[in-house]
Amino acid sequence: MLDFLNEVNWWCLLLLLFLAFLLGWLLSRWALKNKYKSELEECRRQNSRLKNSEYTKAKTTFTSPSETSETEDEIKAIKTRDHGGVAVVNTDDDTSKKPELNFASFGKAVASDKDDLKLISGVGPFIEEKLNGIGIYTFDQISKFTNEDIDTVTQLIQFFPGRIERDNWKAQAEKLKNK
């Protein structure tokens, strides 16, 4: 009788191990499916773009301006609105250049001097990246902004007009630089 119970215990143990293996395998497949779902969607999008590029009307998607010819069959996109919904005037000449910052008024800084600009209310990771992209890295720089600098920065980072004044970035930066 004791041998029979031993044998039953071994079979139960084997069954439990098999069930644990099966459960782990199913859970890992489910987790990997969720993990790679976004990558799979991106691959499908890229595949769709490649398939669409075979059509003549969609060639402008993947060809450089030097490769495109001026024919009526090609699709041409013209930017009519900016990020804020403001109408954009398209001109062939380059007279509408972006304004340049006057670093003499608030000073230059390098990336190694970088402060965490996200501590300023109204500045998130996206805006901090845009500010860093135009050369603004420190609270000291922001605290020295003039009204012209604020207008220029607003245009360069394509941020909501008047937001820098409403959130009072200058005063916040002044407090943060003294900490």
C-alpha atoms as a PDB file:
ATOM      1  CA  MET A   1       0.000   0.000   0.000  1.00  0.00           C
ATOM      2  CA  LEU A   2       2.848   2.344   0.769  1.00  0.00           C
ATOM      3  CA  ASP A   3       4.358   1.738  -2.666  1.00  0.00           C
ATOM      4  CA  PHE A   4       1.040   2.612  -4.275  1.00  0.00           C
ATOM      5  CA  LEU A   5       0.849   5.957  -2.413  1.00  0.00           C
ATOM      6  CA  ASN A   6       4.425   6.703  -3.396  1.00  0.00           C
ATOM      7  CA  GLU A   7       3.596   6.029  -7.019  1.00  0.00           C
ATOM      8  CA  VAL A   8       0.449   8.209  -6.848  1.00  0.00           C
ATOM      9  CA  ASN A   9       2.482  11.030  -5.294  1.00  0.00           C
ATOM     10  CA  TRP A  10       4.980  10.847  -8.144  1.00  0.00           C
ATOM     11  CA  TRP A  11       2.207  10.971 -10.735  1.00  0.00           C
ATOM     12  CA  CYS A  12       0.583  13.961  -8.959  1.00  0.00           C
ATOM     13  CA  LEU A  13       3.914  15.728  -8.826  1.00  0.00           C
ATOM     14  CA  LEU A  14       4.499  15.040 -12.520  1.00  0.00           C
ATOM     15  CA  LEU A  15       1.014  16.337 -13.359  1.00  0.00           C
ATOM     16  CA  LEU A  16       1.567  19.510 -11.313  1.00  0.00           C
ATOM     17  CA  LEU A  17       4.912  20.137 -13.017  1.00  0.00           C
ATOM     18  CA  PHE A  18       3.292  19.701 -16.425  1.00  0.00           C
ATOM     19  CA  LEU A  19       0.487  22.132 -15.494  1.00  0.00           C
ATOM     20  CA  ALA A  20       3.025  24.664 -14.197  1.00  0.00           C
ATOM     21  CA  PHE A  21       4.995  24.351 -17.440  1.00  0.00           C
ATOM     22  CA  LEU A  22       1.836  24.787 -19.510  1.00  0.00           C
ATOM     23  CA  LEU A  23       0.720  27.822 -17.504  1.00  0.00           C
ATOM     24  CA  GLY A  24       4.173  29.438 -17.777  1.00  0.00           C
ATOM     25  CA  TRP A  25       4.316  28.806 -21.508  1.00  0.00           C
ATOM     26  CA  LEU A  26       0.867  30.342 -22.080  1.00  0.00           C
ATOM     27  CA  LEU A  27       1.635  33.375 -19.931  1.00  0.00           C
ATOM     28  CA  SER A  28       4.945  34.002 -21.690  1.00  0.00           C
ATOM     29  CA  ARG A  29       3.279  33.837 -25.116  1.00  0.00           C
ATOM     30  CA  TRP A  30       0.643  36.304 -23.945  1.00  0.00           C
ATOM     31  CA  ALA A  31       3.250  38.664 -22.459  1.00  0.00           C
ATOM     32  CA  LEU A  32       5.451  38.570 -25.569  1.00  0.00           C
ATOM     33  CA  LYS A  33       2.450  39.173 -27.786  1.00  0.00           C
ATOM     34  CA  ASN A  34       1.598  42.336 -25.814  1.00  0.00           C
ATOM     35  CA  LYS A  35       5.233  43.422 -25.669  1.00  0.00           C
ATOM     36  CA  TYR A  36       5.779  43.251 -29.401  1.00  0.00           C
ATOM     37  CA  LYS A  37       2.315  44.424 -30.453  1.00  0.00           C
ATOM     38  CA  SER A  38       3.470  48.012 -31.111  1.00  0.00           C
ATOM     39  CA  GLU A  39       6.507  46.833 -33.085  1.00  0.00           C
ATOM     40  CA  LEU A  40       4.261  44.579 -35.146  1.00  0.00           C
ATOM     41  CA  GLU A  41       1.918  47.484 -35.885  1.00  0.00           C
ATOM     42  CA  GLU A  42       4.895  49.627 -36.964  1.00  0.00           C
ATOM     43  CA  CYS A  43       6.078  46.841 -39.294  1.00  0.00           C
ATOM     44  CA  ARG A  44       2.597  46.613 -40.789  1.00  0.00           C
ATOM     45  CA  ARG A  45       2.531  50.392 -41.322  1.00  0.00           C
ATOM     46  CA  GLN A  46       5.940  50.329 -43.006  1.00  0.00           C
ATOM     47  CA  ASN A  47       4.859  47.388 -45.168  1.00  0.00           C
ATOM     48  CA  SER A  48       1.740  49.285 -46.199  1.00  0.00           C
ATOM     49  CA  ARG A  49       3.834  52.351 -47.084  1.00  0.00           C
ATOM     50  CA  LEU A  50       6.152  50.231 -49.184  1.00  0.00           C
ATOM     51  CA  LYS A  51       3.233  48.661 -51.012  1.00  0.00           C
ATOM     52  CA  ASN A  52       1.712  52.102 -51.609  1.00  0.00           C
ATOM     53  CA  SER A  53       4.994  53.440 -52.939  1.00  0.00           C
ATOM     54  CA  GLU A  54       4.605  51.197 -55.981  1.00  0.00           C
ATOM     55  CA  TYR A  55       1.718  53.347 -57.219  1.00  0.00           C
ATOM     56  CA  THR A  56       2.675  56.350 -59.356  1.00  0.00           C
ATOM     57  CA  LYS A  57       0.566  58.834 -57.410  1.00  0.00           C
ATOM     58  CA  ALA A  58       2.263  57.923 -54.153  1.00  0.00           C
ATOM     59  CA  LYS A  59       5.849  58.186 -55.375  1.00  0.00           C
ATOM     60  CA  THR A  60       6.352  61.541 -53.666  1.00  0.00           C
ATOM     61  CA  THR A  61       6.239  59.762 -50.306  1.00  0.00           C
ATOM     62  CA  PHE A  62       9.628  58.114 -50.789  1.00  0.00           C
ATOM     63  CA  THR A  63      11.434  60.221 -53.376  1.00  0.00           C
ATOM     64  CA  SER A  64      13.619  63.204 -52.672  1.00  0.00           C
ATOM     65  CA  PRO A  65      12.778  66.595 -54.212  1.00  0.00           C
ATOM     66  CA  SER A  66      15.642  66.210 -56.690  1.00  0.00           C
ATOM     67  CA  GLU A  67      14.201  62.905 -57.939  1.00  0.00           C
ATOM     68  CA  THR A  68      10.646  64.131 -58.459  1.00  0.00           C
ATOM     69  CA  SER A  69       9.604  65.503 -61.788  1.00  0.00           C
ATOM     70  CA  GLU A  70       7.011  68.183 -62.303  1.00  0.00           C
ATOM     71  CA  THR A  71       4.135  66.133 -63.695  1.00  0.00           C
ATOM     72  CA  GLU A  72       0.411  66.383 -63.115  1.00  0.00           C
ATOM     73  CA  ASP A  73       0.093  62.774 -61.943  1.00  0.00           C
ATOM     74  CA  GLU A  74       2.096  63.241 -58.739  1.00  0.00           C
ATOM     75  CA  ILE A  75       0.579  64.255 -55.424  1.00  0.00           C
ATOM     76  CA  LYS A  76       1.925  67.489 -53.989  1.00  0.00           C
ATOM     77  CA  ALA A  77       1.399  68.443 -50.360  1.00  0.00           C
ATOM     78  CA  ILE A  78       1.426  72.081 -49.376  1.00  0.00           C
ATOM     79  CA  LYS A  79       1.627  73.107 -45.738  1.00  0.00           C
ATOM     80  CA  THR A  80      -1.281  75.445 -45.064  1.00  0.00           C
ATOM     81  CA  ARG A  81      -1.495  75.401 -41.254  1.00  0.00           C
ATOM     82  CA  ASP A  82       1.134  75.462 -38.514  1.00  0.00           C
ATOM     83  CA  HIS A  83       1.006  73.449 -35.254  1.00  0.00           C
ATOM     84  CA  GLY A  84      -1.155  76.087 -33.581  1.00  0.00           C
ATOM     85  CA  GLY A  85      -3.619  76.239 -36.493  1.00  0.00           C
ATOM     86  CA  VAL A  86      -2.125  79.490 -37.767  1.00  0.00           C
ATOM     87  CA  ALA A  87      -2.254  79.884 -41.547  1.00  0.00           C
ATOM     88  CA  VAL A  88       1.139  79.494 -43.203  1.00  0.00           C
ATOM     89  CA  VAL A  89       2.055  81.595 -46.204  1.00  0.00           C
ATOM     90  CA  ASN A  90       4.160  79.506 -48.586  1.00  0.00           C
ATOM     91  CA  THR A  91       6.703  81.450 -50.585  1.00  0.00           C
ATOM     92  CA  ASP A  92       9.311  80.126 -52.941  1.00  0.00           C
ATOM     93  CA  ASP A  93      11.972  82.507 -51.676  1.00  0.00           C
ATOM     94  CA  ASP A  94      13.506  82.124 -48.247  1.00  0.00           C
ATOM     95  CA  THR A  95      12.414  85.495 -46.827  1.00  0.00           C
ATOM     96  CA  SER A  96      10.449  83.953 -43.942  1.00  0.00           C
ATOM     97  CA  LYS A  97      13.469  82.703 -41.970  1.00  0.00           C
ATOM     98  CA  LYS A  98      13.099  81.742 -38.340  1.00  0.00           C
ATOM     99  CA  PRO A  99      14.166  84.412 -35.874  1.00  0.00           C
ATOM    100  CA  GLU A 100      17.485  84.067 -34.109  1.00  0.00           C
ATOM    101  CA  LEU A 101      17.972  84.250 -30.368  1.00  0.00           C
ATOM    102  CA  ASN A 102      19.920  87.132 -28.891  1.00  0.00           C
ATOM    103  CA  PHE A 103      22.199  85.176 -26.561  1.00  0.00           C
ATOM    104  CA  ALA A 104      23.914  88.431 -25.560  1.00  0.00           C
ATOM    105  CA  SER A 105      20.860  89.382 -23.499  1.00  0.00           C
ATOM    106  CA  PHE A 106      20.546  86.193 -21.454  1.00  0.00           C
ATOM    107  CA  GLY A 107      23.835  84.353 -21.987  1.00  0.00           C
ATOM    108  CA  LYS A 108      24.959  81.107 -23.524  1.00  0.00           C
ATOM    109  CA  ALA A 109      25.143  77.736 -21.818  1.00  0.00           C
ATOM    110  CA  VAL A 110      26.309  74.289 -22.809  1.00  0.00           C
ATOM    111  CA  ALA A 111      24.641  70.922 -22.321  1.00  0.00           C
ATOM    112  CA  SER A 112      26.993  70.065 -19.446  1.00  0.00           C
ATOM    113  CA  ASP A 113      25.526  73.011 -17.443  1.00  0.00           C
ATOM    114  CA  LYS A 114      21.991  71.737 -18.030  1.00  0.00           C
ATOM    115  CA  ASP A 115      19.345  72.268 -15.336  1.00  0.00           C
ATOM    116  CA  ASP A 116      16.160  70.211 -15.063  1.00  0.00           C
ATOM    117  CA  LEU A 117      13.870  72.696 -16.837  1.00  0.00           C
ATOM    118  CA  LYS A 118      10.894  70.399 -16.204  1.00  0.00           C
ATOM    119  CA  LEU A 119      10.802  71.855 -12.669  1.00  0.00           C
ATOM    120  CA  ILE A 120       9.270  74.987 -14.219  1.00  0.00           C
ATOM    121  CA  SER A 121       5.483  74.742 -14.327  1.00  0.00           C
ATOM    122  CA  GLY A 122       4.413  74.493 -17.961  1.00  0.00           C
ATOM    123  CA  VAL A 123       7.631  72.839 -19.159  1.00  0.00           C
ATOM    124  CA  GLY A 124       7.407  69.127 -19.840  1.00  0.00           C
ATOM    125  CA  PRO A 125       9.897  66.747 -21.441  1.00  0.00           C
ATOM    126  CA  PHE A 126       8.857  67.779 -24.970  1.00  0.00           C
ATOM    127  CA  ILE A 127       9.265  71.525 -24.334  1.00  0.00           C
ATOM    128  CA  GLU A 128      12.512  70.941 -22.430  1.00  0.00           C
ATOM    129  CA  GLU A 129      13.887  69.088 -25.454  1.00  0.00           C
ATOM    130  CA  LYS A 130      12.854  71.963 -27.748  1.00  0.00           C
ATOM    131  CA  LEU A 131      14.455  74.523 -25.422  1.00  0.00           C
ATOM    132  CA  ASN A 132      17.669  72.491 -25.305  1.00  0.00           C
ATOM    133  CA  GLY A 133      17.551  72.274 -29.091  1.00  0.00           C
ATOM    134  CA  ILE A 134      17.727  76.064 -29.425  1.00  0.00           C
ATOM    135  CA  GLY A 135      20.474  76.443 -26.809  1.00  0.00           C
ATOM    136  CA  ILE A 136      18.539  77.131 -23.595  1.00  0.00           C
ATOM    137  CA  TYR A 137      19.767  74.849 -20.828  1.00  0.00           C
ATOM    138  CA  THR A 138      19.695  76.733 -17.508  1.00  0.00           C
ATOM    139  CA  PHE A 139      17.334  78.532 -15.149  1.00  0.00           C
ATOM    140  CA  ASP A 140      19.713  81.503 -15.261  1.00  0.00           C
ATOM    141  CA  GLN A 141      19.123  81.926 -19.002  1.00  0.00           C
ATOM    142  CA  ILE A 142      15.332  81.821 -18.623  1.00  0.00           C
ATOM    143  CA  SER A 143      15.372  84.230 -15.680  1.00  0.00           C
ATOM    144  CA  LYS A 144      17.132  86.837 -17.877  1.00  0.00           C
ATOM    145  CA  PHE A 145      14.630  86.691 -20.786  1.00  0.00           C
ATOM    146  CA  THR A 146      13.455  89.997 -22.208  1.00  0.00           C
ATOM    147  CA  ASN A 147      10.082  90.398 -23.913  1.00  0.00           C
ATOM    148  CA  GLU A 148      11.796  90.060 -27.315  1.00  0.00           C
ATOM    149  CA  ASP A 149      13.511  86.876 -26.131  1.00  0.00           C
ATOM    150  CA  ILE A 150      10.171  85.445 -24.980  1.00  0.00           C
ATOM    151  CA  ASP A 151       8.598  86.203 -28.378  1.00  0.00           C
ATOM    152  CA  THR A 152      11.550  84.662 -30.203  1.00  0.00           C
ATOM    153  CA  VAL A 153      11.570  81.523 -28.029  1.00  0.00           C
ATOM    154  CA  THR A 154       7.800  81.151 -28.505  1.00  0.00           C
ATOM    155  CA  GLN A 155       8.262  81.263 -32.279  1.00  0.00           C
ATOM    156  CA  LEU A 156      11.248  78.913 -32.276  1.00  0.00           C
ATOM    157  CA  ILE A 157       9.714  76.200 -30.113  1.00  0.00           C
ATOM    158  CA  GLN A 158       6.285  76.701 -31.711  1.00  0.00           C
ATOM    159  CA  PHE A 159       4.623  76.934 -28.317  1.00  0.00           C
ATOM    160  CA  PHE A 160       1.287  78.516 -27.405  1.00  0.00           C
ATOM    161  CA  PRO A 161       1.676  82.303 -27.688  1.00  0.00           C
ATOM    162  CA  GLY A 162       1.610  84.020 -24.306  1.00  0.00           C
ATOM    163  CA  ARG A 163       2.105  80.789 -22.363  1.00  0.00           C
ATOM    164  CA  ILE A 164       5.578  81.751 -21.146  1.00  0.00           C
ATOM    165  CA  GLU A 165       4.209  84.966 -19.612  1.00  0.00           C
ATOM    166  CA  ARG A 166       1.071  83.285 -18.187  1.00  0.00           C
ATOM    167  CA  ASP A 167       3.085  80.562 -16.485  1.00  0.00           C
ATOM    168  CA  ASN A 168       5.662  83.199 -15.473  1.00  0.00           C
ATOM    169  CA  TRP A 169       8.703  81.143 -16.430  1.00  0.00           C
ATOM    170  CA  LYS A 170      11.053  84.040 -15.579  1.00  0.00           C
ATOM    171  CA  ALA A 171      10.011  84.237 -11.917  1.00  0.00           C
ATOM    172  CA  GLN A 172       9.966  80.460 -11.523  1.00  0.00           C
ATOM    173  CA  ALA A 173      13.448  80.200 -13.047  1.00  0.00           C
ATOM    174  CA  GLU A 174      14.706  82.965 -10.755  1.00  0.00           C
ATOM    175  CA  LYS A 175      13.487  81.041  -7.693  1.00  0.00           C
ATOM    176  CA  LEU A 176      14.871  77.739  -8.964  1.00  0.00           C
ATOM    177  CA  LYS A 177      18.324  79.116  -9.817  1.00  0.00           C
ATOM    178  CA  ASN A 178      18.724  80.417  -6.242  1.00  0.00           C
ATOM    179  CA  LYS A 179      18.018  77.001  -4.692  1.00  0.00           C
END
